[in-house]
């Protein structure tokens, strides 16, 4: 009987890190999905400054927002200003999460984005696909790099 209790205890102790890792992974993936839901909403007609604030609340203090191909690395304050500048500029916005890859400290997401914008009095269709790499401190985003 004591051996059975000891074995059950050992199994619980050994499974705890896996459960914690699973919980972290779940929280991280939820943060990423929330990030993209808010990004889609912000770009569309219903976007609001509250959406920008909700998105930035997903980030850890001191986090960065990057576009490495353009050589851009922003603080959260700089990212907020940029998001507000583009708030509601798109029409018929469709952001699709194509694939999600999970690691111990990161989540990589392949997305497609399609929307229409008014430029010079003409409607222009935008189609983009890319990869976003999210790094974390706990369940909060510490860095996002969009390619």
N, C-alpha and C. Protein backbone atom coordinates (compact mmCIF):
# COMPACT_ATOMS: atom_id res chain seq x y z
N UNK A 1 0.82 -1.19 0.00
CA UNK A 1 0.00 0.00 0.00
C UNK A 1 0.86 1.26 0.00
N UNK A 2 1.90 1.26 0.85
CA UNK A 2 2.77 2.42 0.91
C UNK A 2 3.50 2.62 -0.42
N UNK A 3 3.85 1.49 -1.07
CA UNK A 3 4.51 1.61 -2.37
C UNK A 3 3.57 2.24 -3.40
N UNK A 4 2.30 1.88 -3.34
CA UNK A 4 1.32 2.46 -4.28
C UNK A 4 1.17 3.95 -4.06
N UNK A 5 1.10 4.35 -2.80
CA UNK A 5 0.97 5.76 -2.47
C UNK A 5 2.23 6.51 -2.92
N UNK A 6 3.40 5.92 -2.69
CA UNK A 6 4.66 6.55 -3.10
C UNK A 6 4.71 6.68 -4.62
N UNK A 7 4.26 5.65 -5.33
CA UNK A 7 4.27 5.68 -6.79
C UNK A 7 3.31 6.76 -7.32
N UNK A 8 2.14 6.86 -6.72
CA UNK A 8 1.18 7.89 -7.13
C UNK A 8 1.78 9.27 -6.88
N UNK A 9 2.40 9.45 -5.72
CA UNK A 9 3.04 10.73 -5.39
C UNK A 9 4.13 11.07 -6.38
N UNK A 10 4.96 10.09 -6.74
CA UNK A 10 6.03 10.31 -7.70
C UNK A 10 5.45 10.71 -9.06
N UNK A 11 4.39 10.05 -9.48
CA UNK A 11 3.75 10.39 -10.76
C UNK A 11 3.23 11.82 -10.75
N UNK A 12 2.62 12.22 -9.64
CA UNK A 12 2.12 13.60 -9.54
C UNK A 12 3.25 14.61 -9.61
N UNK A 13 4.35 14.32 -8.91
CA UNK A 13 5.49 15.23 -8.91
C UNK A 13 6.10 15.33 -10.30
N UNK A 14 6.24 14.18 -10.97
CA UNK A 14 6.85 14.18 -12.31
C UNK A 14 5.94 14.82 -13.35
N UNK A 15 4.63 14.73 -13.16
CA UNK A 15 3.73 15.29 -14.15
C UNK A 15 3.50 16.78 -13.94
N UNK A 16 3.83 17.32 -12.80
CA UNK A 16 3.58 18.74 -12.51
C UNK A 16 4.27 19.67 -13.50
N UNK A 17 5.59 19.47 -13.82
CA UNK A 17 6.20 20.37 -14.81
C UNK A 17 5.52 20.29 -16.17
N UNK A 18 5.09 19.11 -16.57
CA UNK A 18 4.41 18.98 -17.86
C UNK A 18 3.08 19.72 -17.83
N UNK A 19 2.37 19.63 -16.70
CA UNK A 19 1.11 20.35 -16.59
C UNK A 19 1.34 21.85 -16.59
N UNK A 20 2.40 22.31 -15.91
CA UNK A 20 2.71 23.73 -15.90
C UNK A 20 3.10 24.20 -17.30
N UNK A 21 3.91 23.41 -17.98
CA UNK A 21 4.31 23.77 -19.34
C UNK A 21 3.09 23.81 -20.25
N UNK A 22 2.19 22.86 -20.09
CA UNK A 22 0.98 22.84 -20.90
C UNK A 22 0.12 24.06 -20.61
N UNK A 23 0.04 24.43 -19.35
CA UNK A 23 -0.72 25.61 -18.95
C UNK A 23 -0.10 26.88 -19.54
N UNK A 24 1.25 27.00 -19.47
CA UNK A 24 1.95 28.14 -20.05
C UNK A 24 1.71 28.20 -21.55
N UNK A 25 1.83 27.05 -22.21
CA UNK A 25 1.64 26.99 -23.66
C UNK A 25 0.23 27.43 -24.02
N UNK A 26 -0.74 26.97 -23.26
CA UNK A 26 -2.13 27.33 -23.50
C UNK A 26 -2.34 28.84 -23.34
N UNK A 27 -1.80 29.40 -22.27
CA UNK A 27 -1.94 30.83 -22.01
C UNK A 27 -1.22 31.64 -23.09
N UNK A 28 -0.07 31.17 -23.53
CA UNK A 28 0.67 31.87 -24.57
C UNK A 28 -0.08 31.84 -25.90
N UNK A 29 -0.59 30.68 -26.25
CA UNK A 29 -1.33 30.59 -27.50
C UNK A 29 -2.60 31.45 -27.43
N UNK A 30 -3.24 31.48 -26.29
CA UNK A 30 -4.43 32.34 -26.13
C UNK A 30 -4.06 33.81 -26.29
N UNK A 31 -2.91 34.21 -25.74
CA UNK A 31 -2.45 35.60 -25.89
C UNK A 31 -2.22 35.93 -27.36
N UNK A 32 -1.63 34.99 -28.10
CA UNK A 32 -1.37 35.21 -29.53
C UNK A 32 -2.68 35.31 -30.32
N UNK A 33 -3.62 34.44 -30.02
CA UNK A 33 -4.91 34.49 -30.72
C UNK A 33 -5.66 35.79 -30.41
N UNK A 34 -5.58 36.23 -29.16
CA UNK A 34 -6.19 37.50 -28.77
C UNK A 34 -5.50 38.65 -29.49
N UNK A 35 -4.17 38.60 -29.57
CA UNK A 35 -3.39 39.61 -30.29
C UNK A 35 -3.91 39.76 -31.71
N UNK A 36 -4.06 38.65 -32.44
CA UNK A 36 -4.48 38.73 -33.83
C UNK A 36 -5.95 39.12 -33.97
N UNK A 37 -6.80 38.70 -33.04
CA UNK A 37 -8.21 39.11 -33.08
C UNK A 37 -8.29 40.64 -32.94
N UNK A 38 -7.51 41.17 -32.00
CA UNK A 38 -7.51 42.62 -31.79
C UNK A 38 -6.88 43.35 -32.98
N UNK A 39 -5.81 42.80 -33.55
CA UNK A 39 -5.17 43.44 -34.72
C UNK A 39 -6.16 43.53 -35.87
N UNK A 40 -6.90 42.46 -36.12
CA UNK A 40 -7.89 42.47 -37.19
C UNK A 40 -8.96 43.53 -36.91
N UNK A 41 -9.43 43.58 -35.69
CA UNK A 41 -10.47 44.54 -35.33
C UNK A 41 -9.95 45.98 -35.44
N UNK A 42 -8.70 46.21 -34.99
CA UNK A 42 -8.13 47.55 -35.04
C UNK A 42 -7.98 48.06 -36.47
N UNK A 43 -7.60 47.20 -37.37
CA UNK A 43 -7.42 47.60 -38.76
C UNK A 43 -8.76 47.88 -39.44
N UNK A 44 -9.80 47.19 -38.98
CA UNK A 44 -11.13 47.35 -39.57
C UNK A 44 -11.87 48.58 -39.07
N UNK A 45 -13.05 48.75 -39.59
CA UNK A 45 -13.87 49.94 -39.30
C UNK A 45 -14.28 50.06 -37.84
N UNK A 46 -14.34 48.96 -37.12
CA UNK A 46 -14.79 48.99 -35.72
C UNK A 46 -13.65 49.21 -34.74
N UNK A 47 -12.44 49.37 -35.22
CA UNK A 47 -11.29 49.52 -34.34
C UNK A 47 -11.39 50.75 -33.45
N UNK A 48 -10.90 50.62 -32.22
CA UNK A 48 -10.96 51.74 -31.28
C UNK A 48 -9.67 51.82 -30.47
N UNK A 49 -9.41 52.96 -29.86
CA UNK A 49 -8.24 53.07 -28.99
C UNK A 49 -8.27 52.03 -27.85
N UNK A 50 -9.47 51.63 -27.42
CA UNK A 50 -9.57 50.60 -26.37
C UNK A 50 -9.00 49.27 -26.87
N UNK A 51 -9.17 48.98 -28.16
CA UNK A 51 -8.59 47.75 -28.74
C UNK A 51 -7.07 47.80 -28.69
N UNK A 52 -6.51 48.97 -28.99
CA UNK A 52 -5.05 49.15 -28.95
C UNK A 52 -4.56 48.90 -27.52
N UNK A 53 -5.24 49.50 -26.56
CA UNK A 53 -4.85 49.32 -25.16
C UNK A 53 -4.98 47.86 -24.72
N UNK A 54 -6.04 47.18 -25.16
CA UNK A 54 -6.21 45.76 -24.82
C UNK A 54 -5.10 44.91 -25.43
N UNK A 55 -4.71 45.23 -26.66
CA UNK A 55 -3.63 44.49 -27.30
C UNK A 55 -2.31 44.71 -26.54
N UNK A 56 -2.02 45.95 -26.21
CA UNK A 56 -0.76 46.24 -25.52
C UNK A 56 -0.73 45.69 -24.10
N UNK A 57 -1.89 45.44 -23.52
CA UNK A 57 -1.95 44.84 -22.19
C UNK A 57 -1.47 43.38 -22.21
N UNK A 58 -1.37 42.79 -23.38
CA UNK A 58 -0.86 41.42 -23.52
C UNK A 58 0.66 41.36 -23.36
N UNK A 59 1.32 42.53 -23.40
CA UNK A 59 2.77 42.61 -23.38
C UNK A 59 3.32 42.78 -21.97
N UNK A 60 4.50 42.24 -21.75
CA UNK A 60 5.23 42.43 -20.49
C UNK A 60 5.87 43.82 -20.51
N UNK A 61 6.12 44.40 -19.34
CA UNK A 61 6.81 45.69 -19.30
C UNK A 61 8.16 45.59 -20.02
N UNK A 62 8.48 46.62 -20.79
CA UNK A 62 9.76 46.65 -21.50
C UNK A 62 9.80 45.82 -22.77
N UNK A 63 8.66 45.29 -23.19
CA UNK A 63 8.60 44.46 -24.39
C UNK A 63 8.89 45.28 -25.64
N UNK A 64 9.22 44.58 -26.72
CA UNK A 64 9.48 45.26 -27.99
C UNK A 64 8.59 44.70 -29.09
N UNK A 65 8.35 45.54 -30.09
CA UNK A 65 7.55 45.19 -31.26
C UNK A 65 8.43 45.49 -32.46
N UNK A 66 8.69 44.47 -33.28
CA UNK A 66 9.69 44.62 -34.33
C UNK A 66 9.18 44.22 -35.72
N UNK A 67 9.76 44.86 -36.71
CA UNK A 67 9.62 44.50 -38.12
C UNK A 67 11.05 44.41 -38.66
N UNK A 68 11.73 43.27 -38.42
CA UNK A 68 13.15 43.16 -38.77
C UNK A 68 13.47 43.43 -40.23
N UNK A 69 12.62 43.03 -41.15
CA UNK A 69 12.92 43.25 -42.57
C UNK A 69 13.01 44.73 -42.90
N UNK A 70 12.29 45.55 -42.14
CA UNK A 70 12.32 47.00 -42.36
C UNK A 70 13.30 47.69 -41.41
N UNK A 71 13.97 46.90 -40.55
CA UNK A 71 14.91 47.47 -39.60
C UNK A 71 14.24 48.28 -38.50
N UNK A 72 13.00 47.92 -38.16
CA UNK A 72 12.23 48.67 -37.17
C UNK A 72 12.13 47.88 -35.86
N UNK A 73 12.48 48.57 -34.77
CA UNK A 73 12.29 48.02 -33.42
C UNK A 73 11.66 49.12 -32.59
N UNK A 74 10.45 48.84 -32.08
CA UNK A 74 9.70 49.87 -31.36
C UNK A 74 9.49 49.50 -29.90
N UNK A 75 9.44 50.53 -29.08
CA UNK A 75 8.97 50.36 -27.71
C UNK A 75 7.45 50.22 -27.78
N UNK A 76 6.82 49.88 -26.68
CA UNK A 76 5.37 49.78 -26.69
C UNK A 76 4.70 51.14 -26.92
N UNK A 77 5.30 52.22 -26.42
CA UNK A 77 4.74 53.55 -26.67
C UNK A 77 4.79 53.89 -28.16
N UNK A 78 5.90 53.56 -28.81
CA UNK A 78 6.02 53.81 -30.25
C UNK A 78 5.03 52.94 -31.04
N UNK A 79 4.90 51.68 -30.63
CA UNK A 79 3.96 50.78 -31.29
C UNK A 79 2.53 51.30 -31.14
N UNK A 80 2.20 51.81 -29.96
CA UNK A 80 0.86 52.35 -29.71
C UNK A 80 0.57 53.51 -30.66
N UNK A 81 1.52 54.42 -30.80
CA UNK A 81 1.33 55.56 -31.71
C UNK A 81 1.10 55.08 -33.15
N UNK A 82 1.87 54.09 -33.58
CA UNK A 82 1.70 53.55 -34.93
C UNK A 82 0.36 52.87 -35.12
N UNK A 83 -0.08 52.12 -34.11
CA UNK A 83 -1.37 51.44 -34.21
C UNK A 83 -2.51 52.45 -34.26
N UNK A 84 -2.41 53.49 -33.47
CA UNK A 84 -3.45 54.52 -33.47
C UNK A 84 -3.49 55.25 -34.81
N UNK A 85 -2.33 55.44 -35.43
CA UNK A 85 -2.27 56.13 -36.73
C UNK A 85 -2.97 55.33 -37.83
N UNK A 86 -2.98 54.00 -37.70
CA UNK A 86 -3.60 53.14 -38.72
C UNK A 86 -4.95 52.60 -38.30
N UNK A 87 -5.45 53.06 -37.18
CA UNK A 87 -6.70 52.56 -36.62
C UNK A 87 -7.85 52.76 -37.61
N UNK A 88 -8.55 51.69 -37.91
CA UNK A 88 -9.75 51.77 -38.73
C UNK A 88 -9.52 52.08 -40.19
N UNK A 89 -8.29 51.94 -40.69
CA UNK A 89 -8.04 52.33 -42.08
C UNK A 89 -8.48 51.27 -43.09
N UNK A 90 -8.72 50.04 -42.67
CA UNK A 90 -9.06 48.97 -43.60
C UNK A 90 -10.55 48.71 -43.70
N UNK A 91 -10.95 48.13 -44.80
CA UNK A 91 -12.32 47.69 -45.02
C UNK A 91 -12.26 46.23 -45.44
N UNK A 92 -13.27 45.49 -45.06
CA UNK A 92 -13.35 44.06 -45.41
C UNK A 92 -12.07 43.34 -44.99
N UNK A 93 -11.68 43.53 -43.75
CA UNK A 93 -10.44 42.97 -43.21
C UNK A 93 -10.64 41.49 -42.88
N UNK A 94 -9.70 40.69 -43.35
CA UNK A 94 -9.72 39.27 -43.04
C UNK A 94 -8.31 38.82 -42.69
N UNK A 95 -8.10 38.51 -41.42
CA UNK A 95 -6.81 38.01 -40.95
C UNK A 95 -7.02 36.55 -40.57
N UNK A 96 -6.25 35.67 -41.17
CA UNK A 96 -6.40 34.23 -40.94
C UNK A 96 -5.10 33.68 -40.35
N UNK A 97 -5.24 32.95 -39.27
CA UNK A 97 -4.10 32.22 -38.71
C UNK A 97 -4.01 30.90 -39.46
N UNK A 98 -2.94 30.74 -40.21
CA UNK A 98 -2.76 29.55 -41.06
C UNK A 98 -2.18 28.40 -40.25
N UNK A 99 -1.15 28.73 -39.44
CA UNK A 99 -0.46 27.67 -38.69
C UNK A 99 0.16 28.27 -37.44
N UNK A 100 0.19 27.47 -36.37
CA UNK A 100 0.80 27.88 -35.12
C UNK A 100 1.83 26.83 -34.72
N UNK A 101 3.06 27.28 -34.44
CA UNK A 101 4.12 26.40 -33.96
C UNK A 101 4.49 26.85 -32.55
N UNK A 102 4.61 25.90 -31.63
CA UNK A 102 4.88 26.23 -30.24
C UNK A 102 6.23 25.69 -29.81
N UNK A 103 6.96 26.52 -29.07
CA UNK A 103 8.21 26.09 -28.45
C UNK A 103 8.12 26.34 -26.96
N UNK A 104 9.21 26.11 -26.25
CA UNK A 104 9.20 26.31 -24.79
C UNK A 104 9.01 27.77 -24.41
N UNK A 105 9.58 28.68 -25.18
CA UNK A 105 9.50 30.10 -24.82
C UNK A 105 8.97 30.97 -25.95
N UNK A 106 8.45 30.36 -27.00
CA UNK A 106 7.98 31.15 -28.14
C UNK A 106 6.77 30.50 -28.79
N UNK A 107 6.08 31.30 -29.58
CA UNK A 107 5.02 30.84 -30.47
C UNK A 107 5.27 31.52 -31.81
N UNK A 108 5.31 30.74 -32.88
CA UNK A 108 5.45 31.28 -34.23
C UNK A 108 4.13 31.07 -34.96
N UNK A 109 3.69 32.10 -35.67
CA UNK A 109 2.38 32.06 -36.30
C UNK A 109 2.48 32.50 -37.75
N UNK A 110 1.96 31.67 -38.64
CA UNK A 110 1.86 32.05 -40.05
C UNK A 110 0.47 32.62 -40.27
N UNK A 111 0.40 33.79 -40.91
CA UNK A 111 -0.89 34.44 -41.14
C UNK A 111 -1.02 34.91 -42.57
N UNK A 112 -2.28 35.11 -42.96
CA UNK A 112 -2.58 35.84 -44.19
C UNK A 112 -3.49 37.00 -43.79
N UNK A 113 -3.34 38.11 -44.48
CA UNK A 113 -4.12 39.30 -44.20
C UNK A 113 -4.57 39.91 -45.52
N UNK A 114 -5.85 40.16 -45.63
CA UNK A 114 -6.40 40.80 -46.83
C UNK A 114 -7.36 41.91 -46.37
N UNK A 115 -7.26 43.07 -47.04
CA UNK A 115 -8.17 44.17 -46.72
C UNK A 115 -8.12 45.20 -47.84
N UNK A 116 -9.04 46.12 -47.80
CA UNK A 116 -9.10 47.21 -48.76
C UNK A 116 -8.84 48.53 -48.04
N UNK A 117 -8.16 49.44 -48.73
CA UNK A 117 -7.92 50.79 -48.19
C UNK A 117 -8.23 51.81 -49.28
N UNK A 118 -8.54 53.01 -48.83
CA UNK A 118 -8.73 54.14 -49.75
C UNK A 118 -7.41 54.88 -49.86
N UNK A 119 -6.87 54.99 -51.07
CA UNK A 119 -5.64 55.75 -51.31
C UNK A 119 -5.84 56.60 -52.55
N UNK A 120 -5.62 57.88 -52.40
CA UNK A 120 -5.78 58.82 -53.51
C UNK A 120 -7.15 58.70 -54.17
N UNK A 121 -8.18 58.52 -53.33
CA UNK A 121 -9.54 58.44 -53.84
C UNK A 121 -9.90 57.12 -54.49
N UNK A 122 -9.00 56.17 -54.47
CA UNK A 122 -9.25 54.86 -55.09
C UNK A 122 -9.14 53.77 -54.03
N UNK A 123 -9.95 52.75 -54.19
CA UNK A 123 -9.86 51.61 -53.29
C UNK A 123 -8.76 50.68 -53.78
N UNK A 124 -7.88 50.33 -52.85
CA UNK A 124 -6.76 49.45 -53.17
C UNK A 124 -6.86 48.20 -52.31
N UNK A 125 -6.66 47.05 -52.93
CA UNK A 125 -6.71 45.78 -52.20
C UNK A 125 -5.30 45.41 -51.75
N UNK A 126 -5.17 45.03 -50.50
CA UNK A 126 -3.89 44.62 -49.92
C UNK A 126 -3.98 43.13 -49.57
N UNK A 127 -3.00 42.37 -49.99
CA UNK A 127 -2.86 40.95 -49.62
C UNK A 127 -1.47 40.75 -49.06
N UNK A 128 -1.39 40.20 -47.86
CA UNK A 128 -0.09 39.93 -47.25
C UNK A 128 -0.11 38.56 -46.59
N UNK A 129 1.03 37.96 -46.57
CA UNK A 129 1.20 36.75 -45.76
C UNK A 129 2.51 36.92 -45.01
N UNK A 130 2.60 36.31 -43.87
CA UNK A 130 3.81 36.47 -43.09
C UNK A 130 3.89 35.54 -41.91
N UNK A 131 4.97 35.73 -41.19
CA UNK A 131 5.24 34.96 -39.96
C UNK A 131 5.46 35.97 -38.85
N UNK A 132 4.88 35.68 -37.71
CA UNK A 132 5.13 36.49 -36.51
C UNK A 132 5.72 35.57 -35.45
N UNK A 133 6.79 36.02 -34.85
CA UNK A 133 7.45 35.26 -33.79
C UNK A 133 7.20 35.99 -32.47
N UNK A 134 6.58 35.29 -31.54
CA UNK A 134 6.28 35.83 -30.22
C UNK A 134 7.17 35.16 -29.18
N UNK A 135 7.84 35.96 -28.37
CA UNK A 135 8.61 35.45 -27.23
C UNK A 135 7.89 35.91 -25.97
N UNK A 136 8.09 35.17 -24.88
CA UNK A 136 7.29 35.39 -23.68
C UNK A 136 8.11 35.48 -22.41
N UNK A 137 7.55 36.19 -21.45
CA UNK A 137 7.93 36.14 -20.05
C UNK A 137 6.68 35.64 -19.34
N UNK A 138 6.68 34.39 -18.93
CA UNK A 138 5.45 33.79 -18.40
C UNK A 138 4.43 33.73 -19.52
N UNK A 139 3.24 34.29 -19.28
CA UNK A 139 2.18 34.27 -20.29
C UNK A 139 2.09 35.61 -21.04
N UNK A 140 2.99 36.54 -20.75
CA UNK A 140 2.94 37.86 -21.39
C UNK A 140 4.01 37.96 -22.49
N UNK A 141 3.66 38.65 -23.54
CA UNK A 141 4.55 38.80 -24.70
C UNK A 141 5.72 39.73 -24.32
N UNK A 142 6.94 39.25 -24.55
CA UNK A 142 8.11 40.10 -24.29
C UNK A 142 8.69 40.67 -25.58
N UNK A 143 8.39 40.00 -26.69
CA UNK A 143 8.88 40.47 -28.00
C UNK A 143 8.00 39.86 -29.07
N UNK A 144 7.64 40.69 -30.05
CA UNK A 144 7.01 40.17 -31.26
C UNK A 144 7.78 40.72 -32.44
N UNK A 145 8.10 39.83 -33.35
CA UNK A 145 8.79 40.20 -34.58
C UNK A 145 7.93 39.72 -35.75
N UNK A 146 7.52 40.67 -36.57
CA UNK A 146 6.67 40.33 -37.72
C UNK A 146 7.48 40.38 -39.00
N UNK A 147 7.41 39.29 -39.74
CA UNK A 147 8.14 39.17 -41.02
C UNK A 147 7.13 39.07 -42.15
